Amino acid sequence: MRLYQYTGPEHVVESIKKQHLKISFSDQVNDIFEMMPYDFGDNSELRRRWRKSIQDHAKSTGFLCFSSSWQSPSMWGLYASSHKGVCLGFDVPSNLTKILYVKSYKKFDETTLSNNHRLDNAFKYAQKTKSRHWMNEKEWRMFIQLDCDEIRRKSNEELVFIRFSDARLKLREIIIGEKSERRSSEFRQVLKDTDEVTIKTARASFRDFKIVEQRNSRLQK
């Protein structure tokens, strides 16, 4: 399966050179409802205990975010520095989780926090569930359990990375944003096998609200 990750221009060449991606965590993302798809009613104590469980969960569990499309104008705007960044296409393993987009909260069972099996299921549901307001992202996630050294670095507020090979990712595409100052020559210099990776330039479509490939060789980066 081919999935895509949008990124800014600053560190993308280094990331490809080092063959790694930065791991995200539920306590550091841009969705204020992250891991919170539940209705706790008026039980503020239950809500507090769940938030504490989320904080503990984020100490040892991270994830990589991908989209099923590289042609979303809003994704280029939000996650690729207003089209100045890059979108990376990966062949990914089959164990990724497709995000479920819902209209409303799910009622939280009060017995969940005292039952390990139910708690595990509650985390799994929370990990894969977001508001329908995020539907345009067409998101998939790869969840990652940190080792002891990674847990230490996370607790020290350091960045944590995972190598492409450890995540079983194969880089197949590099799509350079229409406003990007990055050039294909930069990527070719750091790629180990240029035959396996297609480099192309993006542009706004002339006929639809989507991003398409720039086929004019004079305008390719």
N, C-alpha and C. Protein backbone atom coordinates (compact mmCIF):
# COMPACT_ATOMS: atom_id res chain seq x y z
N MET A 1 0.84 -1.19 0.00
CA MET A 1 0.00 0.00 0.00
C MET A 1 0.88 1.24 0.00
N ARG A 2 0.51 2.24 -0.77
CA ARG A 2 1.26 3.49 -0.86
C ARG A 2 0.56 4.57 -0.03
N LEU A 3 1.29 5.14 0.93
CA LEU A 3 0.79 6.23 1.75
C LEU A 3 1.78 7.38 1.75
N TYR A 4 1.32 8.55 2.18
CA TYR A 4 2.11 9.76 2.02
C TYR A 4 2.24 10.52 3.34
N GLN A 5 3.41 11.15 3.50
CA GLN A 5 3.62 12.01 4.66
C GLN A 5 4.06 13.39 4.18
N TYR A 6 3.30 14.40 4.58
CA TYR A 6 3.62 15.79 4.25
C TYR A 6 4.61 16.32 5.29
N THR A 7 5.56 17.14 4.84
CA THR A 7 6.55 17.66 5.77
C THR A 7 7.08 19.00 5.29
N GLY A 8 7.66 19.76 6.20
CA GLY A 8 8.23 21.06 5.86
C GLY A 8 9.55 20.91 5.13
N PRO A 9 10.12 22.02 4.66
CA PRO A 9 11.34 21.96 3.86
C PRO A 9 12.63 21.89 4.67
N GLU A 10 12.57 22.21 5.96
CA GLU A 10 13.80 22.44 6.72
C GLU A 10 14.65 21.19 6.92
N HIS A 11 14.03 20.08 7.28
CA HIS A 11 14.80 18.90 7.68
C HIS A 11 14.58 17.69 6.77
N VAL A 12 13.86 17.87 5.67
CA VAL A 12 13.48 16.71 4.87
C VAL A 12 14.68 16.05 4.19
N VAL A 13 15.65 16.84 3.74
CA VAL A 13 16.83 16.26 3.09
C VAL A 13 17.62 15.43 4.11
N GLU A 14 17.78 15.97 5.32
CA GLU A 14 18.48 15.25 6.37
C GLU A 14 17.74 13.97 6.75
N SER A 15 16.41 14.04 6.80
CA SER A 15 15.62 12.85 7.14
C SER A 15 15.82 11.74 6.11
N ILE A 16 15.87 12.13 4.84
CA ILE A 16 16.08 11.13 3.79
C ILE A 16 17.51 10.59 3.84
N LYS A 17 18.45 11.47 4.10
CA LYS A 17 19.85 11.04 4.22
C LYS A 17 20.01 10.04 5.37
N LYS A 18 19.37 10.32 6.50
CA LYS A 18 19.47 9.45 7.67
C LYS A 18 18.45 8.31 7.64
N GLN A 19 17.55 8.36 6.65
CA GLN A 19 16.54 7.31 6.50
C GLN A 19 15.71 7.13 7.77
N HIS A 20 15.20 8.25 8.28
CA HIS A 20 14.37 8.16 9.48
C HIS A 20 13.23 9.18 9.46
N LEU A 21 12.22 8.95 10.29
CA LEU A 21 11.09 9.85 10.46
C LEU A 21 10.91 10.16 11.95
N LYS A 22 10.42 11.35 12.24
CA LYS A 22 10.16 11.74 13.62
C LYS A 22 8.86 11.09 14.11
N ILE A 23 8.91 10.54 15.31
CA ILE A 23 7.74 9.93 15.92
C ILE A 23 6.89 11.01 16.59
N SER A 24 5.57 10.92 16.40
CA SER A 24 4.63 11.84 17.05
C SER A 24 4.05 11.18 18.31
N PHE A 25 3.52 12.04 19.20
CA PHE A 25 2.92 11.55 20.45
C PHE A 25 1.59 12.25 20.70
N SER A 26 0.69 11.53 21.36
CA SER A 26 -0.67 12.04 21.53
C SER A 26 -0.74 13.30 22.38
N ASP A 27 0.29 13.57 23.18
CA ASP A 27 0.29 14.78 24.00
C ASP A 27 1.00 15.94 23.31
N GLN A 28 1.32 15.79 22.01
CA GLN A 28 2.05 16.83 21.30
C GLN A 28 1.42 17.21 19.96
N VAL A 29 0.22 16.75 19.67
CA VAL A 29 -0.37 16.95 18.35
C VAL A 29 -1.30 18.16 18.32
N ASN A 30 -1.82 18.48 17.12
CA ASN A 30 -2.61 19.69 16.94
C ASN A 30 -4.11 19.51 17.15
N ASP A 31 -4.54 18.31 17.49
CA ASP A 31 -5.96 18.04 17.72
C ASP A 31 -6.24 18.06 19.22
N ILE A 32 -7.01 19.03 19.67
CA ILE A 32 -7.28 19.15 21.10
C ILE A 32 -8.13 17.99 21.62
N PHE A 33 -8.78 17.25 20.71
CA PHE A 33 -9.58 16.09 21.09
C PHE A 33 -8.82 14.77 20.91
N GLU A 34 -7.51 14.84 20.73
CA GLU A 34 -6.71 13.63 20.55
C GLU A 34 -6.94 12.65 21.70
N MET A 35 -7.27 11.41 21.38
CA MET A 35 -7.52 10.34 22.36
C MET A 35 -8.71 10.64 23.27
N MET A 36 -9.58 11.57 22.86
CA MET A 36 -10.72 11.95 23.70
C MET A 36 -12.04 11.83 22.94
N PRO A 37 -12.38 10.67 22.41
CA PRO A 37 -13.64 10.51 21.69
C PRO A 37 -14.79 10.06 22.58
N TYR A 38 -14.66 10.29 23.89
CA TYR A 38 -15.62 9.73 24.84
C TYR A 38 -16.46 10.80 25.55
N ASP A 39 -17.69 10.40 25.88
CA ASP A 39 -18.59 11.22 26.70
C ASP A 39 -18.55 10.68 28.12
N PHE A 40 -18.06 11.51 29.05
CA PHE A 40 -17.97 11.11 30.46
C PHE A 40 -19.15 11.63 31.27
N GLY A 41 -20.11 12.27 30.60
CA GLY A 41 -21.24 12.84 31.31
C GLY A 41 -20.78 13.92 32.27
N ASP A 42 -21.32 13.91 33.48
CA ASP A 42 -20.94 14.89 34.50
C ASP A 42 -19.85 14.36 35.43
N ASN A 43 -19.27 13.23 35.10
CA ASN A 43 -18.28 12.59 35.97
C ASN A 43 -16.89 13.18 35.70
N SER A 44 -16.57 14.28 36.33
CA SER A 44 -15.29 14.96 36.11
C SER A 44 -14.11 14.13 36.61
N GLU A 45 -14.33 13.33 37.65
CA GLU A 45 -13.25 12.48 38.17
C GLU A 45 -12.89 11.39 37.16
N LEU A 46 -13.89 10.82 36.52
CA LEU A 46 -13.65 9.81 35.49
C LEU A 46 -12.90 10.42 34.32
N ARG A 47 -13.28 11.63 33.94
CA ARG A 47 -12.59 12.34 32.85
C ARG A 47 -11.13 12.61 33.22
N ARG A 48 -10.91 13.01 34.47
CA ARG A 48 -9.55 13.29 34.94
C ARG A 48 -8.69 12.03 34.91
N ARG A 49 -9.25 10.91 35.35
CA ARG A 49 -8.50 9.65 35.37
C ARG A 49 -8.17 9.18 33.95
N TRP A 50 -9.09 9.38 33.02
CA TRP A 50 -8.81 9.01 31.62
C TRP A 50 -7.70 9.89 31.05
N ARG A 51 -7.74 11.19 31.34
CA ARG A 51 -6.67 12.08 30.86
C ARG A 51 -5.32 11.64 31.42
N LYS A 52 -5.31 11.23 32.68
CA LYS A 52 -4.07 10.74 33.28
C LYS A 52 -3.61 9.47 32.57
N SER A 53 -4.52 8.59 32.20
CA SER A 53 -4.18 7.38 31.46
C SER A 53 -3.57 7.72 30.10
N ILE A 54 -4.11 8.75 29.45
CA ILE A 54 -3.57 9.19 28.16
C ILE A 54 -2.14 9.68 28.32
N GLN A 55 -1.89 10.47 29.37
CA GLN A 55 -0.54 10.99 29.62
C GLN A 55 0.44 9.84 29.85
N ASP A 56 0.03 8.85 30.62
CA ASP A 56 0.89 7.69 30.86
C ASP A 56 1.13 6.91 29.57
N HIS A 57 0.10 6.77 28.76
CA HIS A 57 0.18 6.06 27.49
C HIS A 57 1.19 6.73 26.56
N ALA A 58 1.20 8.07 26.54
CA ALA A 58 2.08 8.82 25.64
C ALA A 58 3.55 8.74 26.04
N LYS A 59 3.83 8.26 27.24
CA LYS A 59 5.22 8.13 27.68
C LYS A 59 5.95 7.01 26.95
N SER A 60 5.19 6.02 26.46
CA SER A 60 5.84 4.85 25.87
C SER A 60 5.29 4.46 24.50
N THR A 61 4.28 5.17 24.01
CA THR A 61 3.67 4.84 22.73
C THR A 61 3.60 6.07 21.84
N GLY A 62 4.14 5.94 20.63
CA GLY A 62 4.07 7.02 19.65
C GLY A 62 3.48 6.51 18.35
N PHE A 63 3.52 7.34 17.33
CA PHE A 63 2.96 6.93 16.04
C PHE A 63 3.53 7.77 14.91
N LEU A 64 3.43 7.22 13.71
CA LEU A 64 3.72 7.95 12.47
C LEU A 64 2.40 8.21 11.77
N CYS A 65 2.25 9.40 11.20
CA CYS A 65 1.01 9.77 10.50
C CYS A 65 1.23 9.78 8.99
N PHE A 66 0.27 9.23 8.27
CA PHE A 66 0.31 9.21 6.81
C PHE A 66 -1.07 9.58 6.28
N SER A 67 -1.11 9.93 5.00
CA SER A 67 -2.37 10.18 4.30
C SER A 67 -2.43 9.27 3.08
N SER A 68 -3.63 8.93 2.67
CA SER A 68 -3.77 8.10 1.47
C SER A 68 -3.66 8.92 0.19
N SER A 69 -3.55 10.25 0.31
CA SER A 69 -3.48 11.10 -0.88
C SER A 69 -2.39 12.17 -0.73
N TRP A 70 -1.72 12.47 -1.85
CA TRP A 70 -0.75 13.57 -1.86
C TRP A 70 -1.34 14.79 -2.56
N GLN A 71 -2.60 14.74 -2.95
CA GLN A 71 -3.18 15.78 -3.81
C GLN A 71 -4.10 16.75 -3.07
N SER A 72 -4.06 16.76 -1.75
CA SER A 72 -4.93 17.63 -0.96
C SER A 72 -4.32 19.02 -0.78
N PRO A 73 -4.95 20.08 -1.31
CA PRO A 73 -4.42 21.43 -1.12
C PRO A 73 -4.32 21.83 0.35
N SER A 74 -5.31 21.44 1.17
CA SER A 74 -5.28 21.82 2.58
C SER A 74 -4.15 21.12 3.33
N MET A 75 -3.85 19.89 2.97
CA MET A 75 -2.75 19.17 3.61
C MET A 75 -1.41 19.80 3.25
N TRP A 76 -1.25 20.19 1.99
CA TRP A 76 -0.04 20.91 1.59
C TRP A 76 0.07 22.22 2.37
N GLY A 77 -1.06 22.89 2.56
CA GLY A 77 -1.04 24.15 3.28
C GLY A 77 -0.71 23.99 4.75
N LEU A 78 -1.29 22.97 5.40
CA LEU A 78 -1.12 22.79 6.84
C LEU A 78 0.19 22.12 7.22
N TYR A 79 0.56 21.06 6.51
CA TYR A 79 1.67 20.21 6.95
C TYR A 79 2.92 20.31 6.09
N ALA A 80 2.83 20.99 4.97
CA ALA A 80 4.00 21.14 4.09
C ALA A 80 4.33 22.61 3.90
N SER A 81 4.18 23.36 5.00
CA SER A 81 4.62 24.76 5.04
C SER A 81 4.08 25.59 3.88
N SER A 82 2.77 25.51 3.68
CA SER A 82 2.10 26.30 2.63
C SER A 82 2.73 26.05 1.26
N HIS A 83 2.90 24.79 0.93
CA HIS A 83 3.40 24.34 -0.38
C HIS A 83 4.90 24.58 -0.56
N LYS A 84 5.60 24.98 0.51
CA LYS A 84 7.05 25.17 0.44
C LYS A 84 7.79 23.89 0.83
N GLY A 85 7.04 22.91 1.30
CA GLY A 85 7.64 21.67 1.75
C GLY A 85 7.59 20.57 0.72
N VAL A 86 7.51 19.34 1.22
CA VAL A 86 7.63 18.15 0.39
C VAL A 86 6.63 17.11 0.89
N CYS A 87 6.21 16.23 0.00
CA CYS A 87 5.38 15.09 0.38
C CYS A 87 6.14 13.82 0.01
N LEU A 88 6.30 12.93 0.98
CA LEU A 88 7.04 11.69 0.77
C LEU A 88 6.07 10.52 0.62
N GLY A 89 6.26 9.71 -0.40
CA GLY A 89 5.42 8.54 -0.63
C GLY A 89 6.15 7.27 -0.22
N PHE A 90 5.51 6.47 0.62
CA PHE A 90 6.12 5.24 1.12
C PHE A 90 5.26 4.03 0.77
N ASP A 91 5.90 2.93 0.45
CA ASP A 91 5.24 1.64 0.50
C ASP A 91 5.29 1.19 1.96
N VAL A 92 4.14 0.87 2.53
CA VAL A 92 4.05 0.61 3.97
C VAL A 92 3.58 -0.82 4.22
N PRO A 93 3.85 -1.36 5.41
CA PRO A 93 3.36 -2.70 5.74
C PRO A 93 1.85 -2.69 5.95
N SER A 94 1.28 -3.85 6.12
CA SER A 94 -0.18 -3.98 6.18
C SER A 94 -0.76 -3.75 7.57
N ASN A 95 0.09 -3.47 8.55
CA ASN A 95 -0.41 -3.38 9.93
C ASN A 95 -0.78 -1.97 10.37
N LEU A 96 -0.87 -1.02 9.44
CA LEU A 96 -1.25 0.33 9.82
C LEU A 96 -2.74 0.41 10.14
N THR A 97 -3.10 1.43 10.91
CA THR A 97 -4.48 1.62 11.34
C THR A 97 -5.11 2.78 10.59
N LYS A 98 -6.25 2.53 9.97
CA LYS A 98 -6.99 3.58 9.27
C LYS A 98 -7.82 4.36 10.28
N ILE A 99 -7.71 5.68 10.24
CA ILE A 99 -8.43 6.51 11.20
C ILE A 99 -9.93 6.51 10.89
N LEU A 100 -10.71 6.38 11.96
CA LEU A 100 -12.17 6.40 11.87
C LEU A 100 -12.66 7.79 12.25
N TYR A 101 -13.46 8.40 11.39
CA TYR A 101 -13.97 9.75 11.64
C TYR A 101 -15.44 9.66 12.06
N VAL A 102 -15.76 10.26 13.20
CA VAL A 102 -17.11 10.13 13.77
C VAL A 102 -17.74 11.50 14.02
N LYS A 103 -19.07 11.49 14.13
CA LYS A 103 -19.82 12.73 14.36
C LYS A 103 -19.93 13.09 15.84
N SER A 104 -19.90 12.09 16.71
CA SER A 104 -20.18 12.37 18.12
C SER A 104 -19.37 11.45 19.03
N TYR A 105 -19.35 11.81 20.30
CA TYR A 105 -18.66 11.01 21.31
C TYR A 105 -19.32 9.65 21.51
N LYS A 106 -18.53 8.73 22.04
CA LYS A 106 -19.03 7.43 22.48
C LYS A 106 -19.11 7.45 24.01
N LYS A 107 -20.19 6.93 24.57
CA LYS A 107 -20.33 6.93 26.02
C LYS A 107 -19.26 6.07 26.67
N PHE A 108 -18.62 6.59 27.71
CA PHE A 108 -17.53 5.89 28.39
C PHE A 108 -18.09 5.05 29.54
N ASP A 109 -17.74 3.78 29.54
CA ASP A 109 -18.17 2.85 30.58
C ASP A 109 -17.32 3.06 31.83
N GLU A 110 -17.95 3.31 32.96
CA GLU A 110 -17.23 3.61 34.20
C GLU A 110 -16.35 2.47 34.65
N THR A 111 -16.65 1.24 34.26
CA THR A 111 -15.86 0.09 34.71
C THR A 111 -14.57 -0.09 33.90
N THR A 112 -14.40 0.70 32.85
CA THR A 112 -13.27 0.50 31.93
C THR A 112 -11.92 0.62 32.63
N LEU A 113 -11.76 1.63 33.47
CA LEU A 113 -10.46 1.90 34.07
C LEU A 113 -10.03 0.85 35.09
N SER A 114 -10.95 0.01 35.51
CA SER A 114 -10.61 -1.05 36.47
C SER A 114 -10.56 -2.43 35.83
N ASN A 115 -10.65 -2.47 34.50
CA ASN A 115 -10.62 -3.74 33.77
C ASN A 115 -9.60 -3.63 32.65
N ASN A 116 -8.51 -4.38 32.74
CA ASN A 116 -7.40 -4.23 31.79
C ASN A 116 -7.82 -4.51 30.35
N HIS A 117 -8.66 -5.50 30.15
CA HIS A 117 -9.11 -5.83 28.80
C HIS A 117 -9.94 -4.69 28.21
N ARG A 118 -10.86 -4.16 28.99
CA ARG A 118 -11.68 -3.04 28.52
C ARG A 118 -10.84 -1.78 28.32
N LEU A 119 -9.87 -1.59 29.20
CA LEU A 119 -9.00 -0.42 29.07
C LEU A 119 -8.18 -0.49 27.78
N ASP A 120 -7.68 -1.68 27.47
CA ASP A 120 -6.92 -1.87 26.23
C ASP A 120 -7.80 -1.57 25.02
N ASN A 121 -9.03 -2.06 25.04
CA ASN A 121 -9.95 -1.79 23.93
C ASN A 121 -10.30 -0.31 23.83
N ALA A 122 -10.41 0.34 24.99
CA ALA A 122 -10.71 1.78 25.00
C ALA A 122 -9.58 2.58 24.38
N PHE A 123 -8.33 2.19 24.67
CA PHE A 123 -7.18 2.85 24.06
C PHE A 123 -7.16 2.62 22.56
N LYS A 124 -7.43 1.40 22.13
CA LYS A 124 -7.42 1.10 20.70
C LYS A 124 -8.46 1.93 19.96
N TYR A 125 -9.64 2.08 20.55
CA TYR A 125 -10.68 2.89 19.93
C TYR A 125 -10.26 4.36 19.89
N ALA A 126 -9.70 4.85 21.00
CA ALA A 126 -9.29 6.26 21.06
C ALA A 126 -8.17 6.56 20.08
N GLN A 127 -7.26 5.61 19.90
CA GLN A 127 -6.13 5.81 18.99
C GLN A 127 -6.58 5.99 17.54
N LYS A 128 -7.64 5.31 17.17
CA LYS A 128 -8.04 5.30 15.76
C LYS A 128 -9.22 6.22 15.45
N THR A 129 -9.69 6.98 16.44
CA THR A 129 -10.92 7.75 16.26
C THR A 129 -10.68 9.25 16.37
N LYS A 130 -11.19 9.98 15.38
CA LYS A 130 -11.10 11.44 15.39
C LYS A 130 -12.44 12.03 14.92
N SER A 131 -12.59 13.31 15.16
CA SER A 131 -13.79 14.02 14.72
C SER A 131 -13.86 14.07 13.20
N ARG A 132 -15.07 14.13 12.67
CA ARG A 132 -15.26 14.24 11.22
C ARG A 132 -14.67 15.54 10.66
N HIS A 133 -14.36 16.49 11.53
CA HIS A 133 -13.73 17.73 11.07
C HIS A 133 -12.37 17.47 10.42
N TRP A 134 -11.78 16.31 10.69
CA TRP A 134 -10.46 15.98 10.16
C TRP A 134 -10.52 15.01 8.98
N MET A 135 -11.70 14.78 8.45
CA MET A 135 -11.88 13.76 7.41
C MET A 135 -11.00 13.98 6.19
N ASN A 136 -10.74 15.24 5.86
CA ASN A 136 -9.97 15.54 4.65
C ASN A 136 -8.55 15.01 4.72
N GLU A 137 -8.07 14.67 5.93
CA GLU A 137 -6.70 14.18 6.06
C GLU A 137 -6.54 12.74 5.56
N LYS A 138 -7.63 11.98 5.53
CA LYS A 138 -7.57 10.59 5.06
C LYS A 138 -6.39 9.86 5.71
N GLU A 139 -6.38 9.92 7.03
CA GLU A 139 -5.19 9.52 7.79
C GLU A 139 -5.11 8.03 8.09
N TRP A 140 -3.87 7.56 8.08
CA TRP A 140 -3.49 6.23 8.57
C TRP A 140 -2.37 6.42 9.57
N ARG A 141 -2.31 5.54 10.57
CA ARG A 141 -1.25 5.65 11.58
C ARG A 141 -0.54 4.31 11.78
N MET A 142 0.75 4.45 12.06
CA MET A 142 1.55 3.31 12.49
C MET A 142 1.92 3.56 13.94
N PHE A 143 1.49 2.69 14.84
CA PHE A 143 1.77 2.86 16.27
C PHE A 143 3.08 2.16 16.63
N ILE A 144 3.84 2.82 17.50
CA ILE A 144 5.20 2.39 17.81
C ILE A 144 5.39 2.34 19.32
N GLN A 145 5.84 1.19 19.83
CA GLN A 145 6.18 1.06 21.24
C GLN A 145 7.65 1.45 21.43
N LEU A 146 7.90 2.38 22.31
CA LEU A 146 9.26 2.86 22.54
C LEU A 146 10.07 1.88 23.37
N ASP A 147 11.37 1.83 23.10
CA ASP A 147 12.26 1.06 23.96
C ASP A 147 12.71 1.96 25.12
N CYS A 148 13.52 1.42 26.01
CA CYS A 148 13.90 2.15 27.23
C CYS A 148 14.63 3.45 26.92
N ASP A 149 15.54 3.42 25.96
CA ASP A 149 16.28 4.63 25.60
C ASP A 149 15.36 5.67 24.98
N GLU A 150 14.42 5.23 24.16
CA GLU A 150 13.47 6.16 23.54
C GLU A 150 12.53 6.77 24.58
N ILE A 151 12.12 5.97 25.57
CA ILE A 151 11.28 6.48 26.66
C ILE A 151 12.03 7.57 27.43
N ARG A 152 13.32 7.33 27.68
CA ARG A 152 14.13 8.33 28.38
C ARG A 152 14.22 9.62 27.59
N ARG A 153 14.47 9.50 26.27
CA ARG A 153 14.57 10.70 25.44
C ARG A 153 13.25 11.45 25.37
N LYS A 154 12.15 10.70 25.29
CA LYS A 154 10.82 11.35 25.30
C LYS A 154 10.61 12.11 26.60
N SER A 155 10.97 11.50 27.73
CA SER A 155 10.78 12.15 29.03
C SER A 155 11.65 13.39 29.17
N ASN A 156 12.78 13.42 28.44
CA ASN A 156 13.67 14.59 28.45
C ASN A 156 13.28 15.61 27.38
N GLU A 157 12.13 15.39 26.74
CA GLU A 157 11.59 16.29 25.71
C GLU A 157 12.52 16.38 24.50
N GLU A 158 13.22 15.28 24.22
CA GLU A 158 14.03 15.20 23.01
C GLU A 158 13.20 14.61 21.88
N LEU A 159 13.61 14.90 20.64
CA LEU A 159 12.94 14.30 19.50
C LEU A 159 13.29 12.82 19.42
N VAL A 160 12.33 12.01 19.00
CA VAL A 160 12.54 10.57 18.87
C VAL A 160 12.25 10.18 17.42
N PHE A 161 13.17 9.43 16.82
CA PHE A 161 13.05 9.05 15.42
C PHE A 161 13.01 7.53 15.28
N ILE A 162 12.49 7.08 14.15
CA ILE A 162 12.53 5.66 13.81
C ILE A 162 13.05 5.53 12.38
N ARG A 163 13.93 4.57 12.17
CA ARG A 163 14.50 4.36 10.84
C ARG A 163 13.46 3.75 9.90
N PHE A 164 13.57 4.10 8.61
CA PHE A 164 12.66 3.53 7.61
C PHE A 164 12.64 2.01 7.72
N SER A 165 13.83 1.42 7.83
CA SER A 165 13.92 -0.04 7.83
C SER A 165 13.26 -0.66 9.06
N ASP A 166 13.40 -0.01 10.21
CA ASP A 166 12.78 -0.53 11.44
C ASP A 166 11.25 -0.46 11.37
N ALA A 167 10.75 0.52 10.63
CA ALA A 167 9.29 0.66 10.46
C ALA A 167 8.80 -0.09 9.22
N ARG A 168 9.71 -0.75 8.53
CA ARG A 168 9.39 -1.47 7.28
C ARG A 168 8.77 -0.55 6.23
N LEU A 169 9.37 0.63 6.10
CA LEU A 169 8.92 1.61 5.11
C LEU A 169 9.89 1.64 3.94
N LYS A 170 9.36 1.74 2.73
CA LYS A 170 10.17 1.88 1.53
C LYS A 170 9.83 3.21 0.88
N LEU A 171 10.80 4.12 0.85
CA LEU A 171 10.58 5.40 0.20
C LEU A 171 10.48 5.20 -1.31
N ARG A 172 9.37 5.66 -1.91
CA ARG A 172 9.13 5.46 -3.33
C ARG A 172 8.93 6.77 -4.10
N GLU A 173 8.47 7.82 -3.42
CA GLU A 173 8.19 9.08 -4.10
C GLU A 173 8.66 10.26 -3.27
N ILE A 174 9.17 11.28 -3.94
CA ILE A 174 9.44 12.57 -3.33
C ILE A 174 8.74 13.60 -4.21
N ILE A 175 7.74 14.27 -3.64
CA ILE A 175 6.95 15.24 -4.40
C ILE A 175 7.26 16.62 -3.83
N ILE A 176 7.87 17.46 -4.62
CA ILE A 176 8.33 18.77 -4.17
C ILE A 176 7.22 19.80 -4.36
N GLY A 177 6.93 20.57 -3.32
CA GLY A 177 5.86 21.55 -3.37
C GLY A 177 6.09 22.64 -4.41
N GLU A 178 4.99 23.20 -4.90
CA GLU A 178 5.06 24.20 -5.96
C GLU A 178 5.87 25.43 -5.55
N LYS A 179 5.83 25.80 -4.27
CA LYS A 179 6.55 26.99 -3.79
C LYS A 179 7.86 26.64 -3.10
N SER A 180 8.26 25.39 -3.17
CA SER A 180 9.45 24.94 -2.44
C SER A 180 10.75 25.40 -3.09
N GLU A 181 11.75 25.65 -2.26
CA GLU A 181 13.10 25.95 -2.74
C GLU A 181 13.97 24.70 -2.77
N ARG A 182 13.44 23.58 -2.33
CA ARG A 182 14.15 22.31 -2.44
C ARG A 182 14.23 21.91 -3.91
N ARG A 183 15.31 21.23 -4.28
CA ARG A 183 15.52 20.82 -5.66
C ARG A 183 15.78 19.32 -5.73
N SER A 184 15.39 18.72 -6.84
CA SER A 184 15.54 17.28 -7.00
C SER A 184 17.00 16.86 -6.87
N SER A 185 17.92 17.73 -7.28
CA SER A 185 19.35 17.40 -7.20
C SER A 185 19.79 17.17 -5.76
N GLU A 186 19.19 17.90 -4.81
CA GLU A 186 19.52 17.72 -3.39
C GLU A 186 19.16 16.31 -2.93
N PHE A 187 18.01 15.84 -3.37
CA PHE A 187 17.56 14.52 -2.94
C PHE A 187 18.35 13.41 -3.62
N ARG A 188 18.70 13.61 -4.89
CA ARG A 188 19.46 12.57 -5.59
C ARG A 188 20.83 12.37 -4.95
N GLN A 189 21.38 13.43 -4.39
CA GLN A 189 22.70 13.33 -3.76
C GLN A 189 22.68 12.46 -2.51
N VAL A 190 21.53 12.41 -1.83
CA VAL A 190 21.48 11.66 -0.57
C VAL A 190 20.75 10.32 -0.69
N LEU A 191 20.09 10.09 -1.82
CA LEU A 191 19.39 8.82 -2.00
C LEU A 191 20.38 7.69 -2.24
N LYS A 192 20.13 6.56 -1.60
CA LYS A 192 21.01 5.40 -1.77
C LYS A 192 20.77 4.72 -3.11
N ASP A 193 19.52 4.69 -3.54
CA ASP A 193 19.19 4.04 -4.81
C ASP A 193 18.15 4.89 -5.52
N THR A 194 18.61 5.74 -6.43
CA THR A 194 17.70 6.68 -7.10
C THR A 194 16.72 5.97 -8.02
N ASP A 195 17.04 4.76 -8.46
CA ASP A 195 16.13 4.03 -9.35
C ASP A 195 14.83 3.64 -8.66
N GLU A 196 14.86 3.52 -7.34
CA GLU A 196 13.68 3.08 -6.60
C GLU A 196 12.77 4.24 -6.19
N VAL A 197 13.22 5.47 -6.37
CA VAL A 197 12.48 6.64 -5.89
C VAL A 197 12.18 7.58 -7.05
N THR A 198 10.91 7.92 -7.21
CA THR A 198 10.49 8.88 -8.23
C THR A 198 10.43 10.27 -7.60
N ILE A 199 11.08 11.23 -8.25
CA ILE A 199 11.04 12.62 -7.78
C ILE A 199 10.23 13.44 -8.76
N LYS A 200 9.24 14.16 -8.25
CA LYS A 200 8.42 14.99 -9.12
C LYS A 200 8.04 16.29 -8.43
N THR A 201 7.52 17.21 -9.21
CA THR A 201 7.13 18.52 -8.72
C THR A 201 5.61 18.63 -8.72
N ALA A 202 5.07 19.25 -7.68
CA ALA A 202 3.62 19.45 -7.59
C ALA A 202 3.24 20.84 -8.11
N ARG A 203 2.01 20.95 -8.53
CA ARG A 203 1.44 22.26 -8.89
C ARG A 203 -0.07 22.22 -8.67
N ALA A 204 -0.68 23.40 -8.60
CA ALA A 204 -2.13 23.48 -8.50
C ALA A 204 -2.75 23.11 -9.84
N SER A 205 -3.81 22.32 -9.80
CA SER A 205 -4.50 21.94 -11.03
C SER A 205 -5.16 23.16 -11.68
N PHE A 206 -5.21 23.15 -13.00
CA PHE A 206 -5.88 24.23 -13.72
C PHE A 206 -7.39 23.99 -13.82
N ARG A 207 -7.84 22.78 -13.50
CA ARG A 207 -9.24 22.43 -13.74
C ARG A 207 -10.00 21.93 -12.52
N ASP A 208 -9.31 21.78 -11.40
CA ASP A 208 -9.97 21.24 -10.22
C ASP A 208 -9.23 21.73 -8.98
N PHE A 209 -9.91 21.65 -7.81
CA PHE A 209 -9.28 22.04 -6.56
C PHE A 209 -8.45 20.89 -6.02
N LYS A 210 -7.34 20.59 -6.66
CA LYS A 210 -6.44 19.55 -6.19
C LYS A 210 -5.03 19.84 -6.69
N ILE A 211 -4.09 19.12 -6.12
CA ILE A 211 -2.69 19.25 -6.52
C ILE A 211 -2.36 18.12 -7.49
N VAL A 212 -1.64 18.47 -8.54
CA VAL A 212 -1.29 17.50 -9.58
C VAL A 212 0.21 17.59 -9.87
N GLU A 213 0.68 16.69 -10.71
CA GLU A 213 2.10 16.67 -11.07
C GLU A 213 2.40 17.73 -12.13
N GLN A 214 3.51 18.44 -11.94
CA GLN A 214 4.00 19.40 -12.93
C GLN A 214 4.73 18.62 -14.03
N ARG A 215 4.18 18.64 -15.23
CA ARG A 215 4.78 17.89 -16.33
C ARG A 215 5.58 18.76 -17.29
N ASN A 216 5.55 20.06 -17.09
CA ASN A 216 6.37 20.96 -17.89
C ASN A 216 7.80 20.89 -17.37
N SER A 217 8.69 20.35 -18.15
CA SER A 217 10.06 20.11 -17.69
C SER A 217 10.78 21.40 -17.29
N ARG A 218 10.40 22.51 -17.90
CA ARG A 218 11.04 23.79 -17.57
C ARG A 218 10.65 24.27 -16.17
N LEU A 219 9.53 23.79 -15.65
CA LEU A 219 9.05 24.22 -14.34
C LEU A 219 9.27 23.19 -13.25
N GLN A 220 9.83 22.05 -13.62
CA GLN A 220 10.13 21.03 -12.62
C GLN A 220 11.36 21.44 -11.81
N LYS A 221 11.36 21.08 -10.54
CA LYS A 221 12.43 21.53 -9.64
C LYS A 221 13.58 20.54 -9.60
